[in-house]
Protein backbone atom coordinates (compact mmCIF):
# COMPACT_ATOMS: atom_id res chain seq x y z
CA MET A 1 -63.77 136.49 -86.87
CA GLN A 2 -60.60 135.05 -88.37
CA LEU A 3 -58.86 131.71 -87.76
CA THR A 4 -55.52 133.24 -86.80
CA GLU A 5 -54.21 130.43 -84.56
CA VAL A 6 -52.82 126.98 -85.38
CA PHE A 7 -53.02 123.83 -83.24
CA GLU A 8 -50.52 121.13 -84.23
CA TRP A 9 -51.93 117.64 -83.73
CA GLY A 10 -50.70 114.34 -85.14
CA GLY A 11 -48.96 116.10 -88.02
CA ARG A 12 -52.11 118.05 -88.82
CA LYS A 13 -52.49 121.82 -88.67
CA VAL A 14 -55.83 122.89 -87.21
CA ARG A 15 -56.76 126.52 -87.82
CA TRP A 16 -58.82 128.17 -85.11
CA GLY A 17 -59.87 131.53 -83.71
CA ARG A 18 -61.34 132.95 -80.53
CA GLN A 19 -63.35 136.09 -79.93
CA GLY A 20 -65.42 137.69 -77.17
CA THR A 21 -65.74 137.50 -73.41
CA GLY A 22 -67.90 135.44 -71.11
CA PRO A 23 -68.61 131.70 -70.88
CA GLY A 24 -66.89 129.53 -73.46
CA VAL A 25 -68.80 128.42 -76.55
CA VAL A 26 -67.41 126.03 -79.18
CA LEU A 27 -68.92 125.84 -82.67
CA CYS A 28 -68.39 122.61 -84.64
CA HIS A 29 -69.02 122.44 -88.39
CA GLY A 30 -69.83 119.45 -90.56
CA THR A 31 -69.20 118.21 -94.09
CA PRO A 32 -68.56 119.45 -96.70
CA TRP A 33 -68.61 122.74 -94.86
CA SER A 34 -66.12 124.72 -92.80
CA SER A 35 -66.23 127.19 -89.94
CA ASP A 36 -67.33 129.83 -92.48
CA LEU A 37 -70.87 128.52 -92.11
CA TRP A 38 -70.83 129.45 -88.41
CA ARG A 39 -68.87 132.72 -88.75
CA PRO A 40 -71.81 135.19 -88.62
CA PHE A 41 -73.26 133.37 -85.61
CA ALA A 42 -69.86 133.33 -83.88
CA GLU A 43 -69.43 137.06 -84.36
CA ALA A 44 -72.91 137.78 -83.00
CA LEU A 45 -72.49 135.51 -79.98
CA SER A 46 -69.06 136.97 -79.14
CA ALA A 47 -70.82 139.99 -77.63
CA GLU A 48 -71.83 137.75 -74.70
CA PHE A 49 -69.63 134.64 -74.91
CA THR A 50 -66.05 133.65 -75.63
CA VAL A 51 -66.58 131.89 -78.94
CA HIS A 52 -64.18 129.31 -80.36
CA LEU A 53 -64.29 128.60 -84.08
CA TRP A 54 -62.21 125.93 -85.83
CA ASP A 55 -61.84 123.97 -89.03
CA MET A 56 -61.55 120.21 -88.76
CA PRO A 57 -58.45 118.80 -90.49
CA GLY A 58 -59.39 118.00 -94.06
CA TYR A 59 -61.70 121.04 -94.22
CA GLY A 60 -61.57 124.79 -94.68
CA GLN A 61 -58.23 126.36 -93.78
CA SER A 62 -56.88 123.35 -91.87
CA SER A 63 -54.40 120.94 -93.45
CA LYS A 64 -55.64 118.46 -96.04
CA ASP A 65 -52.69 116.08 -96.30
CA ALA A 66 -53.58 112.88 -98.14
CA GLU A 67 -51.87 110.62 -95.60
CA HIS A 68 -53.98 111.86 -92.67
CA ARG A 69 -57.27 110.17 -91.85
CA VAL A 70 -60.19 112.52 -91.36
CA SER A 71 -62.85 110.04 -90.16
CA LEU A 72 -65.17 110.73 -87.24
CA ASP A 73 -63.10 108.77 -84.73
CA VAL A 74 -60.05 110.93 -85.49
CA GLN A 75 -62.05 114.17 -85.34
CA GLY A 76 -63.61 113.25 -81.97
CA GLU A 77 -60.22 112.53 -80.44
CA LEU A 78 -58.86 115.75 -81.88
CA LEU A 79 -61.69 117.85 -80.46
CA ALA A 80 -61.07 116.36 -77.02
CA ASP A 81 -57.41 117.42 -77.21
CA LEU A 82 -58.29 120.80 -78.69
CA LEU A 83 -60.58 121.55 -75.74
CA GLU A 84 -57.72 120.71 -73.41
CA HIS A 85 -55.41 122.98 -75.43
CA TRP A 86 -57.94 125.79 -75.04
CA GLU A 87 -58.17 125.02 -71.30
CA LEU A 88 -61.96 124.85 -71.58
CA ASP A 89 -63.37 122.83 -68.71
CA ARG A 90 -67.11 122.88 -69.42
CA PRO A 91 -67.87 124.81 -72.60
CA HIS A 92 -71.22 125.15 -74.28
CA VAL A 93 -71.00 123.25 -77.57
CA VAL A 94 -73.01 123.94 -80.72
CA ALA A 95 -72.60 121.34 -83.47
CA HIS A 96 -73.91 120.86 -87.01
CA ASP A 97 -73.89 117.79 -89.27
CA TYR A 98 -70.69 115.72 -88.72
CA GLY A 99 -69.84 118.11 -85.90
CA GLY A 100 -72.59 116.48 -83.86
CA ALA A 101 -70.95 113.07 -83.99
CA VAL A 102 -67.55 114.67 -83.35
CA ALA A 103 -68.81 116.51 -80.25
CA LEU A 104 -70.71 113.48 -78.96
CA ARG A 105 -67.63 111.26 -79.33
CA ALA A 106 -65.44 113.82 -77.53
CA HIS A 107 -67.94 113.88 -74.66
CA LEU A 108 -68.99 110.22 -74.45
CA LEU A 109 -65.76 108.43 -75.39
CA HIS A 110 -63.07 110.92 -74.40
CA ASP A 111 -64.72 112.23 -71.21
CA ARG A 112 -64.74 115.92 -72.09
CA PRO A 113 -67.41 117.62 -69.95
CA PHE A 114 -69.78 120.11 -71.59
CA ALA A 115 -72.00 122.68 -69.91
CA SER A 116 -74.64 122.17 -72.62
CA LEU A 117 -74.99 120.79 -76.12
CA ALA A 118 -76.95 122.12 -79.10
CA LEU A 119 -77.29 119.54 -81.90
CA VAL A 120 -78.26 121.15 -85.20
CA ASP A 121 -79.23 118.78 -88.05
CA VAL A 122 -76.53 116.40 -86.86
CA VAL A 123 -75.08 113.10 -87.97
CA ALA A 124 -75.87 110.96 -84.93
CA LEU A 125 -78.21 108.11 -85.90
CA ALA A 126 -77.92 105.51 -88.66
CA PRO A 127 -78.72 105.38 -91.46
CA TRP A 128 -76.88 108.41 -92.79
CA GLY A 129 -74.95 109.05 -95.99
CA SER A 130 -76.54 109.31 -99.42
CA GLU A 131 -76.26 107.10 -102.51
CA PHE A 132 -73.61 109.59 -103.63
CA PHE A 133 -71.59 108.80 -100.48
CA ARG A 134 -71.72 105.10 -101.26
CA LEU A 135 -70.77 105.68 -104.89
CA VAL A 136 -67.75 107.78 -103.89
CA ARG A 137 -66.72 105.23 -101.26
CA ASP A 138 -66.60 102.52 -103.93
CA HIS A 139 -64.86 104.68 -106.55
CA GLU A 140 -62.88 107.33 -104.67
CA ARG A 141 -59.92 107.33 -107.08
CA VAL A 142 -62.17 107.72 -110.10
CA PHE A 143 -63.96 110.72 -108.62
CA ALA A 144 -60.70 112.32 -107.46
CA ALA A 145 -59.39 112.09 -111.02
CA VAL A 146 -62.32 113.72 -112.82
CA PRO A 147 -61.53 116.96 -114.71
CA ALA A 148 -61.85 120.15 -112.67
CA ALA A 149 -64.92 121.43 -114.55
CA ILE A 150 -66.82 118.17 -114.06
CA HIS A 151 -65.84 118.08 -110.38
CA GLU A 152 -67.12 121.62 -109.90
CA GLY A 153 -70.42 120.71 -111.51
CA ILE A 154 -70.82 117.68 -109.23
CA LEU A 155 -69.88 119.74 -106.21
CA ARG A 156 -72.27 122.60 -106.94
CA SER A 157 -75.18 120.26 -107.60
CA TYR A 158 -74.48 118.25 -104.46
CA ILE A 159 -74.17 121.25 -102.14
CA ALA A 160 -77.17 123.10 -103.61
CA GLY A 161 -79.39 120.19 -102.57
CA ALA A 162 -78.66 120.85 -98.89
CA SER A 163 -80.64 124.09 -98.89
CA ASP A 164 -84.42 124.47 -98.96
CA GLY A 165 -84.85 126.50 -102.11
CA GLY A 166 -81.14 126.57 -102.86
CA PRO A 167 -78.36 128.92 -101.71
CA THR A 168 -77.68 132.23 -103.44
CA ALA A 169 -74.94 132.33 -106.06
CA GLU A 170 -72.65 134.10 -103.59
CA GLN A 171 -73.34 131.56 -100.85
CA LEU A 172 -72.74 128.65 -103.21
CA ASP A 173 -69.44 130.17 -104.38
CA THR A 174 -68.29 130.41 -100.76
CA LEU A 175 -69.29 126.83 -99.95
CA VAL A 176 -67.55 125.26 -102.93
CA ALA A 177 -64.38 127.41 -102.85
CA PRO A 178 -62.31 125.21 -100.43
CA TRP A 179 -62.82 122.16 -102.66
CA LEU A 180 -61.94 123.52 -106.11
CA ASP A 181 -58.14 123.32 -106.30
CA GLU A 182 -56.31 120.01 -106.67
CA THR A 183 -55.77 119.60 -102.91
CA GLY A 184 -59.38 120.42 -102.15
CA ARG A 185 -60.73 118.15 -104.88
CA THR A 186 -58.99 115.05 -103.56
CA ALA A 187 -59.77 116.03 -99.94
CA PHE A 188 -63.47 116.34 -100.79
CA TYR A 189 -63.74 112.76 -102.03
CA ARG A 190 -61.40 111.42 -99.36
CA GLN A 191 -63.56 112.63 -96.45
CA ILE A 192 -66.66 111.10 -98.06
CA ALA A 193 -64.88 107.80 -98.66
CA GLN A 194 -63.92 107.65 -94.97
CA ALA A 195 -67.48 108.18 -93.75
CA ASP A 196 -68.57 105.15 -91.76
CA GLU A 197 -71.72 104.56 -89.71
CA ARG A 198 -69.83 102.46 -87.18
CA TYR A 199 -68.60 105.69 -85.59
CA THR A 200 -72.15 106.70 -84.70
CA ASP A 201 -73.27 103.14 -84.00
CA GLU A 202 -70.54 103.07 -81.36
CA ILE A 203 -72.00 105.99 -79.40
CA GLU A 204 -75.73 105.67 -80.07
CA PRO A 205 -76.31 103.27 -77.12
CA HIS A 206 -74.92 105.96 -74.80
CA TYR A 207 -77.37 108.73 -75.76
CA PRO A 208 -79.78 107.81 -72.93
CA ASP A 209 -76.85 108.32 -70.52
CA LEU A 210 -76.29 111.96 -71.48
CA ASP A 211 -76.55 114.01 -68.31
CA LEU A 212 -76.48 117.63 -69.48
CA PRO A 213 -78.88 120.11 -71.07
CA VAL A 214 -79.40 119.28 -74.76
CA VAL A 215 -81.40 121.01 -77.46
CA VAL A 216 -82.01 119.33 -80.81
CA VAL A 217 -82.59 121.83 -83.63
CA TRP A 218 -83.65 120.70 -87.10
CA GLY A 219 -84.75 122.07 -90.44
CA ALA A 220 -88.19 120.66 -91.24
CA GLN A 221 -87.26 120.35 -94.93
CA ASP A 222 -83.86 118.70 -94.39
CA THR A 223 -83.51 116.15 -97.21
CA TRP A 224 -79.96 115.13 -96.28
CA ILE A 225 -80.89 114.03 -92.75
CA PRO A 226 -84.70 113.93 -92.59
CA VAL A 227 -86.52 115.44 -89.64
CA ASP A 228 -87.63 112.05 -88.29
CA ARG A 229 -84.06 111.71 -86.97
CA ALA A 230 -84.62 114.82 -84.87
CA HIS A 231 -87.59 113.22 -83.16
CA ARG A 232 -85.71 109.94 -82.67
CA LEU A 233 -82.66 111.68 -81.26
CA ALA A 234 -84.63 113.90 -78.89
CA ALA A 235 -86.53 110.86 -77.63
CA LEU A 236 -83.28 109.04 -76.84
CA ILE A 237 -81.70 111.88 -74.86
CA PRO A 238 -83.22 112.47 -71.40
CA GLN A 239 -85.16 115.75 -71.22
CA ALA A 240 -83.83 116.97 -74.55
CA ARG A 241 -85.60 119.99 -75.99
CA LEU A 242 -86.71 119.79 -79.63
CA GLU A 243 -86.90 122.80 -81.96
CA ILE A 244 -88.14 122.27 -85.53
CA VAL A 245 -87.52 125.19 -87.90
CA GLN A 246 -89.87 125.52 -90.84
CA SER A 247 -88.71 126.43 -94.37
CA ALA A 248 -85.21 125.19 -93.58
CA GLY A 249 -83.19 122.38 -95.09
CA HIS A 250 -79.90 120.92 -93.94
CA LEU A 251 -78.21 124.28 -94.44
CA ILE A 252 -80.38 125.84 -91.78
CA GLN A 253 -77.72 128.51 -91.19
CA LEU A 254 -78.44 129.91 -94.65
CA ASP A 255 -82.13 129.06 -94.98
CA GLN A 256 -83.32 130.50 -91.66
CA PRO A 257 -80.43 132.41 -90.06
CA VAL A 258 -82.60 134.67 -87.89
CA ALA A 259 -84.66 131.79 -86.51
CA LEU A 260 -81.55 129.74 -85.79
CA ALA A 261 -79.69 132.66 -84.21
CA THR A 262 -82.70 133.39 -81.99
CA ILE A 263 -82.92 129.77 -80.82
CA LEU A 264 -79.19 129.44 -80.13
CA ALA A 265 -78.80 132.80 -78.40
CA GLY A 266 -81.82 132.12 -76.21
CA TRP A 267 -80.58 128.65 -75.38
CA LEU A 268 -77.07 129.81 -74.46
CA ARG A 269 -78.36 132.68 -72.31
CA GLU A 270 -80.68 130.27 -70.50
CA GLN A 271 -77.80 127.88 -69.81
CA ARG A 272 -75.55 130.72 -68.68
CA GLU A 273 -78.15 131.87 -66.18
CA ARG A 274 -78.79 128.32 -65.03
CA ASN A 275 -75.06 127.85 -64.35
CA ARG A 276 -74.87 131.18 -62.55
CA LEU A 277 -77.63 130.17 -60.17
CA SER A 278 -76.38 126.64 -59.54
């Protein structure tokens, strides 16, 4: 599934693609990832659903212009407008990491209705962001100016820690690739520097007001966003379902792809049938 289309928004170029037939499904990635992390799942789900895949500005194949903010407030507003561009009234949304906050902001602050929401190891509850985040925030220009070889070493070490047991060499190469050239290097540190908990603090009080089917899926060995957040989040959302996946870290898509695919496909089929009968 390729991102063959472009959505122009606020000077940004958002690359996206669509594949399949059936109810609409939107997959939202996080940081420092891109839609590539969801690609195998999108292709599998497209046999039963119309799947929409996209790269947030500042990530993947979308534009990474230095003058454009890429913070969560901007991404939430963008997603709301992108859904309107796609003419999706009530899609099923599957979100990972930052994508969770982006989807929640689009729904809670920008009034975009969803048919259901799957939250996979998401950024949604403070505290989030590592010591590395705080270090970059305080010294963004220094990090952006480090030599390419040192940057690549930092990047590979940082990303490898998101997987339980570590990604394969091929997987790691794919994950770091968008951030290795000069544009990607500065974009990598810029999006970390713009991370701010106030964008989740703003929506957290509204989680008990969510009135749609929600499943919270989490890797039991997630060291980036520990599994206690999954229990807290599921407790805040009325009637949320909780699925804990063993032997999976934050990169649950790579650590346990079969388990995650089984959960998501079963969830989406259940919601499709529920909507058909309602």
